[in-house]
Amino acid sequence: LEDAARAAYTWRTVDVELAELMRDSAEQQEEAGLLVRGAH
C-alpha cells in the first residue's frame, strides 16, 4: 500500500511538458578531448 501511494503521488505531474536536453558543455568538452586535470 505504501509503494502504491508513492507511485500514485508521482502522477501529480503527469501533464508536465518535458524539455529536451539540447546542449551540455561537459559532454562537448569530453567529446573534444578537452578534459584535463584541474578546475573547469
PDB file of all heavy atoms in Angstrom:
ATOM      1  N   LEU A   1       0.833  -1.201   0.000  1.00  0.00           N
ATOM      2  CA  LEU A   1       0.000   0.000   0.000  1.00  0.00           C
ATOM      3  C   LEU A   1       0.872   1.258   0.000  1.00  0.00           C
ATOM      4  O   LEU A   1       0.596   2.232  -0.713  1.00  0.00           O
ATOM      5  CB  LEU A   1      -0.934  -0.003   1.207  1.00  0.00           C
ATOM      6  CG  LEU A   1      -1.866   1.198   1.337  1.00  0.00           C
ATOM      7  CD1 LEU A   1      -2.802   1.281   0.136  1.00  0.00           C
ATOM      8  CD2 LEU A   1      -2.659   1.116   2.632  1.00  0.00           C
ATOM      9  N   GLU A   2       1.928   1.234   0.780  1.00  0.00           N
ATOM     10  CA  GLU A   2       2.851   2.379   0.823  1.00  0.00           C
ATOM     11  C   GLU A   2       3.505   2.601  -0.539  1.00  0.00           C
ATOM     12  O   GLU A   2       3.592   3.731  -1.018  1.00  0.00           O
ATOM     13  CB  GLU A   2       3.914   2.135   1.898  1.00  0.00           C
ATOM     14  CG  GLU A   2       4.678   3.371   2.273  1.00  0.00           C
ATOM     15  CD  GLU A   2       5.582   3.125   3.464  1.00  0.00           C
ATOM     16  OE1 GLU A   2       5.108   2.601   4.496  1.00  0.00           O
ATOM     17  OE2 GLU A   2       6.781   3.466   3.340  1.00  0.00           O
ATOM     18  N   ASP A   3       3.929   1.526  -1.197  1.00  0.00           N
ATOM     19  CA  ASP A   3       4.531   1.624  -2.535  1.00  0.00           C
ATOM     20  C   ASP A   3       3.533   2.167  -3.548  1.00  0.00           C
ATOM     21  O   ASP A   3       3.871   3.004  -4.388  1.00  0.00           O
ATOM     22  CB  ASP A   3       5.053   0.270  -2.999  1.00  0.00           C
ATOM     23  CG  ASP A   3       6.241  -0.220  -2.178  1.00  0.00           C
ATOM     24  OD1 ASP A   3       6.859   0.609  -1.463  1.00  0.00           O
ATOM     25  OD2 ASP A   3       6.536  -1.426  -2.241  1.00  0.00           O
ATOM     26  N   ALA A   4       2.279   1.702  -3.465  1.00  0.00           N
ATOM     27  CA  ALA A   4       1.244   2.169  -4.393  1.00  0.00           C
ATOM     28  C   ALA A   4       0.959   3.651  -4.178  1.00  0.00           C
ATOM     29  O   ALA A   4       0.759   4.394  -5.144  1.00  0.00           O
ATOM     30  CB  ALA A   4      -0.025   1.349  -4.207  1.00  0.00           C
ATOM     31  N   ALA A   5       0.939   4.082  -2.935  1.00  0.00           N
ATOM     32  CA  ALA A   5       0.698   5.503  -2.643  1.00  0.00           C
ATOM     33  C   ALA A   5       1.820   6.361  -3.205  1.00  0.00           C
ATOM     34  O   ALA A   5       1.580   7.423  -3.795  1.00  0.00           O
ATOM     35  CB  ALA A   5       0.566   5.711  -1.137  1.00  0.00           C
ATOM     36  N   ARG A   6       3.065   5.922  -3.048  1.00  0.00           N
ATOM     37  CA  ARG A   6       4.196   6.681  -3.602  1.00  0.00           C
ATOM     38  C   ARG A   6       4.121   6.738  -5.131  1.00  0.00           C
ATOM     39  O   ARG A   6       4.382   7.771  -5.734  1.00  0.00           O
ATOM     40  CB  ARG A   6       5.514   6.068  -3.160  1.00  0.00           C
ATOM     41  CG  ARG A   6       5.820   6.278  -1.705  1.00  0.00           C
ATOM     42  CD  ARG A   6       7.203   5.741  -1.336  1.00  0.00           C
ATOM     43  NE  ARG A   6       7.361   5.569   0.073  1.00  0.00           N
ATOM     44  CZ  ARG A   6       7.545   6.549   0.948  1.00  0.00           C
ATOM     45  NH1 ARG A   6       7.583   7.780   0.530  1.00  0.00           N
ATOM     46  NH2 ARG A   6       7.680   6.292   2.227  1.00  0.00           N
ATOM     47  N   ALA A   7       3.768   5.628  -5.758  1.00  0.00           N
ATOM     48  CA  ALA A   7       3.654   5.600  -7.212  1.00  0.00           C
ATOM     49  C   ALA A   7       2.535   6.516  -7.683  1.00  0.00           C
ATOM     50  O   ALA A   7       2.674   7.226  -8.678  1.00  0.00           O
ATOM     51  CB  ALA A   7       3.418   4.168  -7.693  1.00  0.00           C
ATOM     52  N   ALA A   8       1.409   6.522  -6.979  1.00  0.00           N
ATOM     53  CA  ALA A   8       0.294   7.393  -7.351  1.00  0.00           C
ATOM     54  C   ALA A   8       0.683   8.861  -7.206  1.00  0.00           C
ATOM     55  O   ALA A   8       0.273   9.697  -8.006  1.00  0.00           O
ATOM     56  CB  ALA A   8      -0.923   7.078  -6.487  1.00  0.00           C
ATOM     57  N   TYR A   9       1.475   9.173  -6.202  1.00  0.00           N
ATOM     58  CA  TYR A   9       1.902  10.559  -5.974  1.00  0.00           C
ATOM     59  C   TYR A   9       2.720  11.086  -7.153  1.00  0.00           C
ATOM     60  O   TYR A   9       2.634  12.258  -7.497  1.00  0.00           O
ATOM     61  CB  TYR A   9       2.708  10.639  -4.671  1.00  0.00           C
ATOM     62  CG  TYR A   9       3.123  12.048  -4.310  1.00  0.00           C
ATOM     63  CD1 TYR A   9       2.174  12.979  -3.899  1.00  0.00           C
ATOM     64  CD2 TYR A   9       4.446  12.431  -4.382  1.00  0.00           C
ATOM     65  CE1 TYR A   9       2.542  14.270  -3.571  1.00  0.00           C
ATOM     66  CE2 TYR A   9       4.822  13.725  -4.055  1.00  0.00           C
ATOM     67  CZ  TYR A   9       3.874  14.637  -3.641  1.00  0.00           C
ATOM     68  OH  TYR A   9       4.252  15.919  -3.320  1.00  0.00           O
ATOM     69  N   THR A  10       3.479  10.240  -7.808  1.00  0.00           N
ATOM     70  CA  THR A  10       4.289  10.695  -8.944  1.00  0.00           C
ATOM     71  C   THR A  10       3.416  11.118 -10.124  1.00  0.00           C
ATOM     72  O   THR A  10       3.867  11.867 -10.983  1.00  0.00           O
ATOM     73  CB  THR A  10       5.273   9.614  -9.417  1.00  0.00           C
ATOM     74  OG1 THR A  10       4.541   8.488  -9.878  1.00  0.00           O
ATOM     75  CG2 THR A  10       6.231   9.210  -8.309  1.00  0.00           C
ATOM     76  N   TRP A  11       2.166  10.672 -10.163  1.00  0.00           N
ATOM     77  CA  TRP A  11       1.258  11.042 -11.260  1.00  0.00           C
ATOM     78  C   TRP A  11       0.761  12.473 -11.142  1.00  0.00           C
ATOM     79  O   TRP A  11       0.107  12.988 -12.054  1.00  0.00           O
ATOM     80  CB  TRP A  11       0.067  10.084 -11.302  1.00  0.00           C
ATOM     81  CG  TRP A  11       0.406   8.829 -12.015  1.00  0.00           C
ATOM     82  CD1 TRP A  11       0.928   7.699 -11.470  1.00  0.00           C
ATOM     83  CD2 TRP A  11       0.290   8.581 -13.409  1.00  0.00           C
ATOM     84  NE1 TRP A  11       1.142   6.748 -12.438  1.00  0.00           N
ATOM     85  CE2 TRP A  11       0.748   7.279 -13.650  1.00  0.00           C
ATOM     86  CE3 TRP A  11      -0.164   9.333 -14.487  1.00  0.00           C
ATOM     87  CZ2 TRP A  11       0.766   6.719 -14.900  1.00  0.00           C
ATOM     88  CZ3 TRP A  11      -0.146   8.772 -15.742  1.00  0.00           C
ATOM     89  CH2 TRP A  11       0.317   7.484 -15.936  1.00  0.00           C
ATOM     90  N   ARG A  12       1.062  13.178 -10.049  1.00  0.00           N
ATOM     91  CA  ARG A  12       0.571  14.539  -9.882  1.00  0.00           C
ATOM     92  C   ARG A  12       1.113  15.483 -10.948  1.00  0.00           C
ATOM     93  O   ARG A  12       0.526  16.513 -11.229  1.00  0.00           O
ATOM     94  CB  ARG A  12       0.906  15.052  -8.482  1.00  0.00           C
ATOM     95  CG  ARG A  12       2.356  15.430  -8.310  1.00  0.00           C
ATOM     96  CD  ARG A  12       2.726  15.673  -6.860  1.00  0.00           C
ATOM     97  NE  ARG A  12       4.046  16.207  -6.719  1.00  0.00           N
ATOM     98  CZ  ARG A  12       5.174  15.553  -6.929  1.00  0.00           C
ATOM     99  NH1 ARG A  12       5.136  14.298  -7.338  1.00  0.00           N
ATOM    100  NH2 ARG A  12       6.340  16.126  -6.776  1.00  0.00           N
ATOM    101  N   THR A  13       2.230  15.127 -11.578  1.00  0.00           N
ATOM    102  CA  THR A  13       2.830  15.984 -12.603  1.00  0.00           C
ATOM    103  C   THR A  13       2.837  15.303 -13.967  1.00  0.00           C
ATOM    104  O   THR A  13       3.675  15.608 -14.804  1.00  0.00           O
ATOM    105  CB  THR A  13       4.275  16.356 -12.206  1.00  0.00           C
ATOM    106  OG1 THR A  13       5.019  15.156 -12.016  1.00  0.00           O
ATOM    107  CG2 THR A  13       4.313  17.187 -10.949  1.00  0.00           C
ATOM    108  N   VAL A  14       1.859  14.427 -14.207  1.00  0.00           N
ATOM    109  CA  VAL A  14       1.838  13.691 -15.464  1.00  0.00           C
ATOM    110  C   VAL A  14       1.622  14.624 -16.655  1.00  0.00           C
ATOM    111  O   VAL A  14       2.037  14.328 -17.767  1.00  0.00           O
ATOM    112  CB  VAL A  14       0.786  12.559 -15.429  1.00  0.00           C
ATOM    113  CG1 VAL A  14      -0.614  13.112 -15.509  1.00  0.00           C
ATOM    114  CG2 VAL A  14       1.045  11.565 -16.535  1.00  0.00           C
ATOM    115  N   ASP A  15       0.994  15.781 -16.424  1.00  0.00           N
ATOM    116  CA  ASP A  15       0.730  16.708 -17.514  1.00  0.00           C
ATOM    117  C   ASP A  15       1.857  17.720 -17.721  1.00  0.00           C
ATOM    118  O   ASP A  15       1.721  18.658 -18.490  1.00  0.00           O
ATOM    119  CB  ASP A  15      -0.584  17.446 -17.282  1.00  0.00           C
ATOM    120  CG  ASP A  15      -0.600  18.225 -15.984  1.00  0.00           C
ATOM    121  OD1 ASP A  15       0.273  17.992 -15.144  1.00  0.00           O
ATOM    122  OD2 ASP A  15      -1.502  19.064 -15.808  1.00  0.00           O
ATOM    123  N   VAL A  16       2.980  17.520 -17.081  1.00  0.00           N
ATOM    124  CA  VAL A  16       4.115  18.416 -17.243  1.00  0.00           C
ATOM    125  C   VAL A  16       4.771  18.174 -18.600  1.00  0.00           C
ATOM    126  O   VAL A  16       4.994  17.044 -19.009  1.00  0.00           O
ATOM    127  CB  VAL A  16       5.151  18.185 -16.108  1.00  0.00           C
ATOM    128  CG1 VAL A  16       6.452  18.913 -16.390  1.00  0.00           C
ATOM    129  CG2 VAL A  16       4.586  18.623 -14.785  1.00  0.00           C
ATOM    130  N   GLU A  17       5.052  19.257 -19.281  1.00  0.00           N
ATOM    131  CA  GLU A  17       5.747  19.185 -20.562  1.00  0.00           C
ATOM    132  C   GLU A  17       7.241  18.988 -20.270  1.00  0.00           C
ATOM    133  O   GLU A  17       7.806  19.694 -19.441  1.00  0.00           O
ATOM    134  CB  GLU A  17       5.519  20.510 -21.292  1.00  0.00           C
ATOM    135  CG  GLU A  17       6.006  20.550 -22.692  1.00  0.00           C
ATOM    136  CD  GLU A  17       5.614  21.884 -23.330  1.00  0.00           C
ATOM    137  OE1 GLU A  17       4.452  22.288 -23.227  1.00  0.00           O
ATOM    138  OE2 GLU A  17       6.518  22.501 -23.909  1.00  0.00           O
ATOM    139  N   LEU A  18       7.860  18.037 -20.912  1.00  0.00           N
ATOM    140  CA  LEU A  18       9.263  17.742 -20.654  1.00  0.00           C
ATOM    141  C   LEU A  18      10.151  18.448 -21.669  1.00  0.00           C
ATOM    142  O   LEU A  18       9.963  18.311 -22.878  1.00  0.00           O
ATOM    143  CB  LEU A  18       9.503  16.234 -20.716  1.00  0.00           C
ATOM    144  CG  LEU A  18      10.804  15.728 -20.127  1.00  0.00           C
ATOM    145  CD1 LEU A  18      10.922  16.098 -18.649  1.00  0.00           C
ATOM    146  CD2 LEU A  18      10.906  14.229 -20.282  1.00  0.00           C
ATOM    147  N   ALA A  19      11.082  19.249 -21.160  1.00  0.00           N
ATOM    148  CA  ALA A  19      12.032  19.944 -22.027  1.00  0.00           C
ATOM    149  C   ALA A  19      13.175  18.986 -22.361  1.00  0.00           C
ATOM    150  O   ALA A  19      13.623  18.212 -21.518  1.00  0.00           O
ATOM    151  CB  ALA A  19      12.570  21.192 -21.332  1.00  0.00           C
ATOM    152  N   GLU A  20      13.652  19.055 -23.577  1.00  0.00           N
ATOM    153  CA  GLU A  20      14.693  18.150 -24.062  1.00  0.00           C
ATOM    154  C   GLU A  20      16.075  18.796 -23.925  1.00  0.00           C
ATOM    155  O   GLU A  20      16.251  19.978 -24.230  1.00  0.00           O
ATOM    156  CB  GLU A  20      14.422  17.838 -25.532  1.00  0.00           C
ATOM    157  CG  GLU A  20      15.390  16.861 -26.143  1.00  0.00           C
ATOM    158  CD  GLU A  20      15.080  16.615 -27.617  1.00  0.00           C
ATOM    159  OE1 GLU A  20      14.028  17.033 -28.100  1.00  0.00           O
ATOM    160  OE2 GLU A  20      15.934  15.982 -28.269  1.00  0.00           O
ATOM    161  N   LEU A  21      17.058  18.001 -23.481  1.00  0.00           N
ATOM    162  CA  LEU A  21      18.430  18.496 -23.392  1.00  0.00           C
ATOM    163  C   LEU A  21      18.968  18.723 -24.800  1.00  0.00           C
ATOM    164  O   LEU A  21      18.995  17.809 -25.619  1.00  0.00           O
ATOM    165  CB  LEU A  21      19.318  17.490 -22.651  1.00  0.00           C
ATOM    166  CG  LEU A  21      20.808  17.849 -22.566  1.00  0.00           C
ATOM    167  CD1 LEU A  21      21.022  19.115 -21.741  1.00  0.00           C
ATOM    168  CD2 LEU A  21      21.595  16.692 -21.963  1.00  0.00           C
ATOM    169  N   MET A  22      19.385  19.941 -25.072  1.00  0.00           N
ATOM    170  CA  MET A  22      19.912  20.287 -26.390  1.00  0.00           C
ATOM    171  C   MET A  22      21.436  20.406 -26.374  1.00  0.00           C
ATOM    172  O   MET A  22      22.086  20.131 -27.370  1.00  0.00           O
ATOM    173  CB  MET A  22      19.314  21.616 -26.875  1.00  0.00           C
ATOM    174  CG  MET A  22      17.790  21.599 -26.961  1.00  0.00           C
ATOM    175  SD  MET A  22      17.124  20.268 -27.955  1.00  0.00           S
ATOM    176  CE  MET A  22      17.564  20.804 -29.574  1.00  0.00           C
ATOM    177  N   ARG A  23      21.982  20.830 -25.223  1.00  0.00           N
ATOM    178  CA  ARG A  23      23.425  21.053 -25.146  1.00  0.00           C
ATOM    179  C   ARG A  23      23.903  20.902 -23.721  1.00  0.00           C
ATOM    180  O   ARG A  23      23.262  21.366 -22.796  1.00  0.00           O
ATOM    181  CB  ARG A  23      23.732  22.463 -25.643  1.00  0.00           C
ATOM    182  CG  ARG A  23      25.195  22.838 -25.655  1.00  0.00           C
ATOM    183  CD  ARG A  23      25.342  24.191 -26.346  1.00  0.00           C
ATOM    184  NE  ARG A  23      26.279  25.152 -25.904  1.00  0.00           N
ATOM    185  CZ  ARG A  23      26.687  25.477 -24.696  1.00  0.00           C
ATOM    186  NH1 ARG A  23      26.230  24.863 -23.666  1.00  0.00           N
ATOM    187  NH2 ARG A  23      27.553  26.417 -24.468  1.00  0.00           N
ATOM    188  N   ASP A  24      25.039  20.212 -23.557  1.00  0.00           N
ATOM    189  CA  ASP A  24      25.699  20.064 -22.261  1.00  0.00           C
ATOM    190  C   ASP A  24      27.176  20.308 -22.495  1.00  0.00           C
ATOM    191  O   ASP A  24      27.843  19.521 -23.173  1.00  0.00           O
ATOM    192  CB  ASP A  24      25.438  18.669 -21.686  1.00  0.00           C
ATOM    193  CG  ASP A  24      26.056  18.466 -20.305  1.00  0.00           C
ATOM    194  OD1 ASP A  24      26.887  19.293 -19.872  1.00  0.00           O
ATOM    195  OD2 ASP A  24      25.699  17.466 -19.660  1.00  0.00           O
ATOM    196  N   SER A  25      27.700  21.392 -21.953  1.00  0.00           N
ATOM    197  CA  SER A  25      29.099  21.750 -22.202  1.00  0.00           C
ATOM    198  C   SER A  25      30.061  20.686 -21.697  1.00  0.00           C
ATOM    199  O   SER A  25      31.133  20.490 -22.280  1.00  0.00           O
ATOM    200  CB  SER A  25      29.431  23.106 -21.578  1.00  0.00           C
ATOM    201  OG  SER A  25      29.304  23.055 -20.164  1.00  0.00           O
ATOM    202  N   ALA A  26      29.705  19.942 -20.648  1.00  0.00           N
ATOM    203  CA  ALA A  26      30.586  18.890 -20.138  1.00  0.00           C
ATOM    204  C   ALA A  26      30.745  17.776 -21.170  1.00  0.00           C
ATOM    205  O   ALA A  26      31.846  17.264 -21.380  1.00  0.00           O
ATOM    206  CB  ALA A  26      30.048  18.333 -18.825  1.00  0.00           C
ATOM    207  N   GLU A  27      29.661  17.401 -21.841  1.00  0.00           N
ATOM    208  CA  GLU A  27      29.729  16.367 -22.876  1.00  0.00           C
ATOM    209  C   GLU A  27      30.512  16.859 -24.083  1.00  0.00           C
ATOM    210  O   GLU A  27      31.269  16.109 -24.686  1.00  0.00           O
ATOM    211  CB  GLU A  27      28.324  15.946 -23.301  1.00  0.00           C
ATOM    212  CG  GLU A  27      27.592  15.144 -22.261  1.00  0.00           C
ATOM    213  CD  GLU A  27      26.180  14.784 -22.698  1.00  0.00           C
ATOM    214  OE1 GLU A  27      25.795  15.085 -23.841  1.00  0.00           O
ATOM    215  OE2 GLU A  27      25.457  14.202 -21.869  1.00  0.00           O
ATOM    216  N   GLN A  28      30.334  18.117 -24.442  1.00  0.00           N
ATOM    217  CA  GLN A  28      31.047  18.671 -25.585  1.00  0.00           C
ATOM    218  C   GLN A  28      32.555  18.713 -25.330  1.00  0.00           C
ATOM    219  O   GLN A  28      33.350  18.409 -26.210  1.00  0.00           O
ATOM    220  CB  GLN A  28      30.534  20.071 -25.924  1.00  0.00           C
ATOM    221  CG  GLN A  28      29.139  20.049 -26.505  1.00  0.00           C
ATOM    222  CD  GLN A  28      28.584  21.441 -26.738  1.00  0.00           C
ATOM    223  OE1 GLN A  28      28.964  22.401 -26.081  1.00  0.00           O
ATOM    224  NE2 GLN A  28      27.670  21.541 -27.691  1.00  0.00           N
ATOM    225  N   GLN A  29      32.954  19.073 -24.112  1.00  0.00           N
ATOM    226  CA  GLN A  29      34.378  19.099 -23.779  1.00  0.00           C
ATOM    227  C   GLN A  29      34.954  17.691 -23.811  1.00  0.00           C
ATOM    228  O   GLN A  29      36.053  17.474 -24.293  1.00  0.00           O
ATOM    229  CB  GLN A  29      34.592  19.718 -22.393  1.00  0.00           C
ATOM    230  CG  GLN A  29      34.386  21.208 -22.364  1.00  0.00           C
ATOM    231  CD  GLN A  29      34.545  21.772 -20.963  1.00  0.00           C
ATOM    232  OE1 GLN A  29      34.599  21.040 -19.982  1.00  0.00           O
ATOM    233  NE2 GLN A  29      34.612  23.083 -20.874  1.00  0.00           N
ATOM    234  N   GLU A  30      34.190  16.730 -23.296  1.00  0.00           N
ATOM    235  CA  GLU A  30      34.654  15.340 -23.280  1.00  0.00           C
ATOM    236  C   GLU A  30      34.832  14.820 -24.702  1.00  0.00           C
ATOM    237  O   GLU A  30      35.832  14.171 -25.025  1.00  0.00           O
ATOM    238  CB  GLU A  30      33.640  14.486 -22.516  1.00  0.00           C
ATOM    239  CG  GLU A  30      34.093  13.074 -22.271  1.00  0.00           C
ATOM    240  CD  GLU A  30      33.102  12.336 -21.401  1.00  0.00           C
ATOM    241  OE1 GLU A  30      32.761  12.838 -20.317  1.00  0.00           O
ATOM    242  OE2 GLU A  30      32.662  11.247 -21.824  1.00  0.00           O
ATOM    243  N   GLU A  31      33.875  15.112 -25.574  1.00  0.00           N
ATOM    244  CA  GLU A  31      33.947  14.666 -26.966  1.00  0.00           C
ATOM    245  C   GLU A  31      35.137  15.294 -27.694  1.00  0.00           C
ATOM    246  O   GLU A  31      35.749  14.682 -28.555  1.00  0.00           O
ATOM    247  CB  GLU A  31      32.651  15.009 -27.705  1.00  0.00           C
ATOM    248  CG  GLU A  31      31.490  14.163 -27.282  1.00  0.00           C
ATOM    249  CD  GLU A  31      30.169  14.641 -27.855  1.00  0.00           C
ATOM    250  OE1 GLU A  31      30.168  15.599 -28.657  1.00  0.00           O
ATOM    251  OE2 GLU A  31      29.136  14.057 -27.490  1.00  0.00           O
ATOM    252  N   ALA A  32      35.451  16.525 -27.332  1.00  0.00           N
ATOM    253  CA  ALA A  32      36.554  17.225 -27.987  1.00  0.00           C
ATOM    254  C   ALA A  32      37.908  16.868 -27.364  1.00  0.00           C
ATOM    255  O   ALA A  32      38.944  17.339 -27.817  1.00  0.00           O
ATOM    256  CB  ALA A  32      36.340  18.735 -27.919  1.00  0.00           C
ATOM    257  N   GLY A  33      37.895  16.049 -26.315  1.00  0.00           N
ATOM    258  CA  GLY A  33      39.136  15.667 -25.654  1.00  0.00           C
ATOM    259  C   GLY A  33      39.753  16.790 -24.851  1.00  0.00           C
ATOM    260  O   GLY A  33      40.957  16.835 -24.642  1.00  0.00           O
ATOM    261  N   LEU A  34      38.927  17.704 -24.353  1.00  0.00           N
ATOM    262  CA  LEU A  34      39.433  18.861 -23.635  1.00  0.00           C
ATOM    263  C   LEU A  34      39.489  18.674 -22.133  1.00  0.00           C
ATOM    264  O   LEU A  34      39.859  19.593 -21.420  1.00  0.00           O
ATOM    265  CB  LEU A  34      38.564  20.093 -23.947  1.00  0.00           C
ATOM    266  CG  LEU A  34      38.550  20.528 -25.400  1.00  0.00           C
ATOM    267  CD1 LEU A  34      37.597  21.692 -25.585  1.00  0.00           C
ATOM    268  CD2 LEU A  34      39.945  20.913 -25.859  1.00  0.00           C
ATOM    269  N   LEU A  35      39.116  17.498 -21.643  1.00  0.00           N
ATOM    270  CA  LEU A  35      39.147  17.292 -20.201  1.00  0.00           C
ATOM    271  C   LEU A  35      40.582  17.087 -19.728  1.00  0.00           C
ATOM    272  O   LEU A  35      41.281  16.202 -20.181  1.00  0.00           O
ATOM    273  CB  LEU A  35      38.293  16.091 -19.801  1.00  0.00           C
ATOM    274  CG  LEU A  35      36.797  16.267 -20.003  1.00  0.00           C
ATOM    275  CD1 LEU A  35      36.061  15.021 -19.516  1.00  0.00           C
ATOM    276  CD2 LEU A  35      36.286  17.472 -19.253  1.00  0.00           C
ATOM    277  N   VAL A  36      40.992  17.941 -18.853  1.00  0.00           N
ATOM    278  CA  VAL A  36      42.318  17.859 -18.256  1.00  0.00           C
ATOM    279  C   VAL A  36      42.164  18.004 -16.759  1.00  0.00           C
ATOM    280  O   VAL A  36      41.120  18.383 -16.264  1.00  0.00           O
ATOM    281  CB  VAL A  36      43.261  18.965 -18.804  1.00  0.00           C
ATOM    282  CG1 VAL A  36      43.523  18.746 -20.275  1.00  0.00           C
ATOM    283  CG2 VAL A  36      42.697  20.335 -18.562  1.00  0.00           C
ATOM    284  N   ARG A  37      43.213  17.731 -16.035  1.00  0.00           N
ATOM    285  CA  ARG A  37      43.138  17.897 -14.590  1.00  0.00           C
ATOM    286  C   ARG A  37      43.006  19.363 -14.240  1.00  0.00           C
ATOM    287  O   ARG A  37      43.457  20.235 -14.951  1.00  0.00           O
ATOM    288  CB  ARG A  37      44.399  17.342 -13.924  1.00  0.00           C
ATOM    289  CG  ARG A  37      44.460  15.858 -13.973  1.00  0.00           C
ATOM    290  CD  ARG A  37      45.619  15.384 -13.171  1.00  0.00           C
ATOM    291  NE  ARG A  37      45.789  13.962 -13.402  1.00  0.00           N
ATOM    292  CZ  ARG A  37      46.587  13.212 -12.701  1.00  0.00           C
ATOM    293  NH1 ARG A  37      47.321  13.743 -11.758  1.00  0.00           N
ATOM    294  NH2 ARG A  37      46.671  11.934 -12.948  1.00  0.00           N
ATOM    295  N   GLY A  38      42.388  19.596 -13.080  1.00  0.00           N
ATOM    296  CA  GLY A  38      42.254  20.970 -12.626  1.00  0.00           C
ATOM    297  C   GLY A  38      40.823  21.451 -12.745  1.00  0.00           C
ATOM    298  O   GLY A  38      39.928  20.748 -13.187  1.00  0.00           O
ATOM    299  N   ALA A  39      40.636  22.695 -12.355  1.00  0.00           N
ATOM    300  CA  ALA A  39      39.299  23.275 -12.328  1.00  0.00           C
ATOM    301  C   ALA A  39      38.782  23.556 -13.738  1.00  0.00           C
ATOM    302  O   ALA A  39      39.534  23.899 -14.632  1.00  0.00           O
ATOM    303  CB  ALA A  39      39.322  24.559 -11.512  1.00  0.00           C
ATOM    304  N   HIS A  40      37.511  23.372 -13.895  1.00  0.00           N
ATOM    305  CA  HIS A  40      36.843  23.674 -15.145  1.00  0.00           C
ATOM    306  C   HIS A  40      35.913  24.856 -14.904  1.00  0.00           C
ATOM    307  O   HIS A  40      35.514  25.131 -13.784  1.00  0.00           O
ATOM    308  CB  HIS A  40      36.033  22.473 -15.635  1.00  0.00           C
ATOM    309  CG  HIS A  40      36.860  21.243 -15.837  1.00  0.00           C
ATOM    310  ND1 HIS A  40      37.730  21.108 -16.880  1.00  0.00           N
ATOM    311  CD2 HIS A  40      36.955  20.106 -15.112  1.00  0.00           C
ATOM    312  CE1 HIS A  40      38.329  19.931 -16.802  1.00  0.00           C
ATOM    313  NE2 HIS A  40      37.875  19.306 -15.733  1.00  0.00           N
TER     314      HIS A  40
END
